[in-house]
Protein backbone atom coordinates (compact mmCIF):
# COMPACT_ATOMS: atom_id res chain seq x y z
CA MET A 1 19.32 -2.93 9.81
CA MET A 2 20.30 -5.12 6.88
CA ALA A 3 19.47 -9.14 7.24
CA HIS A 4 21.61 -10.06 3.72
CA GLU A 5 23.96 -8.15 1.86
CA GLY A 6 22.27 -5.59 -0.30
CA LEU A 7 18.93 -6.18 1.64
CA ARG A 8 16.47 -4.57 4.54
CA ASP A 9 14.97 -6.76 6.74
CA GLY A 10 11.17 -6.82 6.41
CA LEU A 11 8.72 -5.73 8.89
CA PRO A 12 8.13 -6.96 12.03
CA VAL A 13 5.02 -8.83 10.24
CA ALA A 14 4.61 -12.70 9.97
CA GLY A 15 4.77 -13.49 6.35
CA TYR A 16 7.16 -10.50 5.38
CA ARG A 17 10.29 -10.80 4.04
CA PRO A 18 13.60 -8.66 3.54
CA GLN A 19 13.59 -6.30 1.09
CA SER A 20 16.11 -4.53 -1.60
CA GLN A 21 16.83 -0.86 -1.71
CA GLN A 22 14.83 -0.47 -5.33
CA ALA A 23 12.03 -2.64 -3.63
CA ILE A 24 11.47 -0.03 -1.11
CA ASP A 25 11.92 2.81 -2.94
CA THR A 26 9.45 1.76 -5.75
CA VAL A 27 6.98 0.96 -3.38
CA ASN A 28 7.64 4.41 -1.30
CA GLU A 29 6.68 6.33 -5.00
CA PHE A 30 3.77 4.59 -5.06
CA LYS A 31 2.68 5.65 -1.48
CA ASP A 32 3.51 9.24 -3.01
CA VAL A 33 1.19 9.00 -6.23
CA GLU A 34 -1.60 7.35 -3.61
CA GLU A 35 -1.10 10.02 -1.31
CA ARG A 36 -1.36 12.62 -3.91
CA LEU A 37 -4.44 10.72 -5.61
CA LEU A 38 -6.11 10.41 -2.49
CA ARG A 39 -5.56 14.43 -1.11
CA ALA A 40 -7.55 14.88 -4.79
CA ILE A 41 -10.37 12.99 -3.23
CA ASP A 42 -10.65 14.41 -0.25
CA LEU A 43 -10.96 17.73 -2.17
CA LEU A 44 -13.69 16.71 -3.78
CA ARG A 45 -15.08 15.20 -0.88
CA ASP A 46 -14.62 18.26 1.20
CA ASP A 47 -16.37 20.22 -1.45
CA VAL A 48 -13.84 23.62 -1.66
CA ASP A 49 -14.69 24.20 -5.23
CA GLY A 50 -18.43 24.84 -4.45
CA GLU A 51 -19.82 21.76 -6.18
CA GLN A 52 -21.83 19.10 -5.16
CA TYR A 53 -19.89 15.80 -6.01
CA ASP A 54 -21.63 12.09 -5.42
CA GLN A 55 -20.07 11.05 -2.12
CA ARG A 56 -21.36 7.19 -2.68
CA TRP A 57 -18.74 7.27 -5.80
CA LEU A 58 -16.10 9.33 -4.18
CA ALA A 59 -16.06 6.58 -1.66
CA ILE A 60 -16.16 3.86 -3.62
CA ALA A 61 -13.30 5.64 -5.65
CA ARG A 62 -11.15 6.25 -2.55
CA THR A 63 -11.45 2.42 -1.47
CA THR A 64 -10.66 1.42 -5.27
CA LEU A 65 -7.82 3.41 -5.50
CA GLU A 66 -6.90 1.94 -1.67
CA GLN A 67 -7.35 -1.23 -2.07
CA GLY A 68 -4.99 -1.14 -6.05
CA PHE A 69 -1.95 0.44 -4.52
CA MET A 70 -2.27 -2.23 -2.02
CA ALA A 71 -1.96 -5.03 -4.31
CA LEU A 72 0.30 -3.02 -6.41
CA ASN A 73 2.81 -2.34 -3.17
CA ARG A 74 1.92 -6.52 -2.59
CA ALA A 75 3.10 -7.05 -5.89
CA VAL A 76 6.26 -5.01 -5.35
CA PHE A 77 7.33 -6.78 -1.55
CA ARG A 78 5.71 -10.48 -2.03
CA PRO A 79 4.88 -11.20 2.11
CA ALA A 80 4.32 -14.96 1.94
CA ARG A 81 1.67 -17.56 3.41
CA ILE A 82 2.04 -17.68 7.03
CA LYS A 83 2.29 -20.93 8.92
CA LEU A 84 -0.47 -21.22 11.58
CA PRO A 85 -0.24 -23.46 15.06
CA GLY A 86 -0.90 -27.35 13.78
CA ASP A 87 -0.04 -26.80 10.85
CA ALA A 88 1.71 -29.76 8.92
CA LYS A 89 5.71 -29.33 9.55
């Protein structure tokens, strides 16, 4: 659904705004890269090559990658702060 000319409605989540197709495509590209990296970590976690890896550091790597991509996606989508009941108008 289009919100404004050339923009798509934002997520139905407070603070998200309409997005351009370019922004959506950019985030989708980042999601693809993120998924490929997470699957590589999954292979190490599941010990598919017979090696033993430090599971603690794999968990840290996974969490850090997820946080990094979340920050990257937020940089593109730029969600806003929201008003709460009782805030000054």
